[in-house]
Each structure stands twice: as C-alpha cells, then as structure tokens.
Amino acid sequence: MLVLTRKVGQKLIINDNIEVIILETKGDSVKIGIKAPKNVSIFREEIYEEIKKANLQSGKSVMVNDLYKAVNMLDGNKSSALPDLDKLPKVVKTLKEPGVDR
C-alpha cells in the first residue's frame, strides 16, 4: 500500500487518466474529488460490497434456473414449471456422458 500525505488542492494521478484531488479537510474527514474516464467505475466501499453480494446472489439464481431448464429439456417438457428434482441425477449423468455438449 502506498501511503501519502497531501494538502488541500494537491492531486494524485493514477494510470495517466485518473486524478484524485484533495478538496477539503475537516477534523478527521477528508473530502476528495475524482476525475476519471466514464468507463471507470468508482464506488464507496460499502456500496461496492452490496453490488458484489447482489451479483453473487444473481449468479446462483441463474445456475438453479439453468438446472431446472436442463431437467425439463431432457424430460421433453417445455414448461417453465419447476421439474421433479428427483430427476436431477439423470441430468448430471447425461452431462458427464461423452459427446454431450456442455
């Protein structure tokens, strides 16, 4: 970790295209400004952690939905209803068979 001391009005330059500017200090708080290209995402840590949790949860939902679809397809069922989960081992066995696209 790089540790620096800066005064109000001073800047840090990151990777030639990101500027961090010290705008104000008040007690134990520091107000900073960040200039960065629009394609660079900048989040407060607590918001970033919430986004990561939401993305992880979303990914889990997608995997479960994909398993349901696979069970239904192998069963010849085009319904979006939840399949009989007892058939799940059949899906796993079929996916392990040689020549089956994954």
Protein backbone atom coordinates (compact mmCIF):
# COMPACT_ATOMS: atom_id res chain seq x y z
CA MET A 1 0.00 0.00 0.00
CA LEU A 2 1.27 3.45 -0.89
CA VAL A 3 0.73 5.97 1.92
CA LEU A 4 0.96 9.68 1.09
CA THR A 5 0.35 12.98 2.81
CA ARG A 6 -1.41 15.61 0.71
CA LYS A 7 -2.70 19.13 1.35
CA VAL A 8 -5.91 20.73 0.13
CA GLY A 9 -5.65 21.37 -3.61
CA GLN A 10 -2.99 18.72 -4.20
CA LYS A 11 -3.64 15.80 -6.52
CA LEU A 12 -2.74 12.18 -7.06
CA ILE A 13 -2.51 10.85 -10.61
CA ILE A 14 -3.32 7.19 -11.22
CA ASN A 15 -2.54 5.47 -14.51
CA ASP A 16 -2.31 8.74 -16.50
CA ASN A 17 -6.10 9.10 -16.65
CA ILE A 18 -7.42 9.31 -13.07
CA GLU A 19 -6.99 12.35 -10.84
CA VAL A 20 -7.73 12.30 -7.12
CA ILE A 21 -7.94 15.83 -5.72
CA ILE A 22 -7.96 16.78 -2.03
CA LEU A 23 -10.78 19.31 -1.78
CA GLU A 24 -11.16 19.87 1.95
CA THR A 25 -10.15 18.54 5.33
CA LYS A 26 -12.31 18.99 8.39
CA GLY A 27 -11.43 17.21 11.63
CA ASP A 28 -10.92 13.54 10.78
CA SER A 29 -12.77 13.81 7.44
CA VAL A 30 -11.27 14.40 4.02
CA LYS A 31 -13.34 15.48 1.03
CA ILE A 32 -11.88 14.25 -2.26
CA GLY A 33 -12.80 14.69 -5.88
CA ILE A 34 -12.11 12.09 -8.55
CA LYS A 35 -11.76 12.77 -12.28
CA ALA A 36 -11.81 9.57 -14.30
CA PRO A 37 -12.98 8.34 -17.70
CA LYS A 38 -16.68 7.43 -17.84
CA ASN A 39 -15.82 3.76 -18.32
CA VAL A 40 -14.11 3.64 -14.90
CA SER A 41 -16.47 2.60 -12.12
CA ILE A 42 -15.98 4.35 -8.79
CA PHE A 43 -17.90 3.24 -5.69
CA ARG A 44 -17.76 3.79 -1.96
CA GLU A 45 -16.62 0.53 -0.37
CA GLU A 46 -19.96 -0.23 1.31
CA ILE A 47 -21.83 0.20 -1.98
CA TYR A 48 -19.27 -1.95 -3.82
CA GLU A 49 -19.74 -4.76 -1.27
CA GLU A 50 -23.54 -4.64 -1.74
CA ILE A 51 -23.12 -4.84 -5.52
CA LYS A 52 -20.83 -7.88 -5.15
CA LYS A 53 -23.38 -9.62 -2.89
CA ALA A 54 -26.21 -8.90 -5.33
CA ASN A 55 -24.17 -10.20 -8.28
CA LEU A 56 -23.26 -13.38 -6.40
CA GLN A 57 -26.89 -13.99 -5.47
CA SER A 58 -27.98 -13.31 -9.05
CA GLY A 59 -25.43 -15.82 -10.36
CA LYS A 60 -26.73 -18.51 -8.01
CA SER A 61 -30.29 -17.92 -9.20
CA VAL A 62 -29.21 -18.25 -12.82
CA MET A 63 -27.45 -21.57 -12.15
CA VAL A 64 -30.53 -23.02 -10.42
CA ASN A 65 -32.78 -21.84 -13.25
CA ASP A 66 -30.41 -23.40 -15.81
CA LEU A 67 -30.58 -26.73 -13.96
CA TYR A 68 -34.38 -26.59 -13.98
CA LYS A 69 -34.35 -25.89 -17.72
CA ALA A 70 -31.93 -28.78 -18.34
CA VAL A 71 -34.11 -31.21 -16.40
CA ASN A 72 -37.20 -30.07 -18.29
CA MET A 73 -35.48 -30.29 -21.67
CA LEU A 74 -34.16 -33.79 -21.04
CA ASP A 75 -37.64 -34.76 -19.91
CA GLY A 76 -39.14 -33.33 -23.14
CA ASN A 77 -41.04 -30.75 -21.10
CA LYS A 78 -41.15 -27.20 -22.48
CA SER A 79 -42.86 -25.88 -19.37
CA SER A 80 -41.14 -23.34 -17.18
CA ALA A 81 -42.61 -25.05 -14.12
CA LEU A 82 -40.20 -26.48 -11.59
CA PRO A 83 -39.23 -30.02 -12.61
CA ASP A 84 -39.16 -33.11 -10.47
CA LEU A 85 -35.85 -32.68 -8.65
CA ASP A 86 -35.54 -36.48 -8.30
CA LYS A 87 -34.59 -36.39 -11.99
CA LEU A 88 -31.58 -34.18 -11.33
CA PRO A 89 -29.12 -37.13 -11.12
CA LYS A 90 -30.25 -38.08 -14.64
CA VAL A 91 -29.21 -34.61 -15.87
CA VAL A 92 -25.81 -34.82 -14.20
CA LYS A 93 -25.21 -38.34 -15.58
CA THR A 94 -26.22 -37.23 -19.08
CA LEU A 95 -23.89 -34.22 -18.94
CA LYS A 96 -20.99 -36.50 -17.99
CA GLU A 97 -21.54 -38.79 -20.97
CA PRO A 98 -19.01 -38.48 -23.81
CA GLY A 99 -20.21 -36.49 -26.78
CA VAL A 100 -22.70 -34.41 -24.78
CA ASP A 101 -22.25 -30.69 -25.32
CA ARG A 102 -21.69 -28.77 -22.09
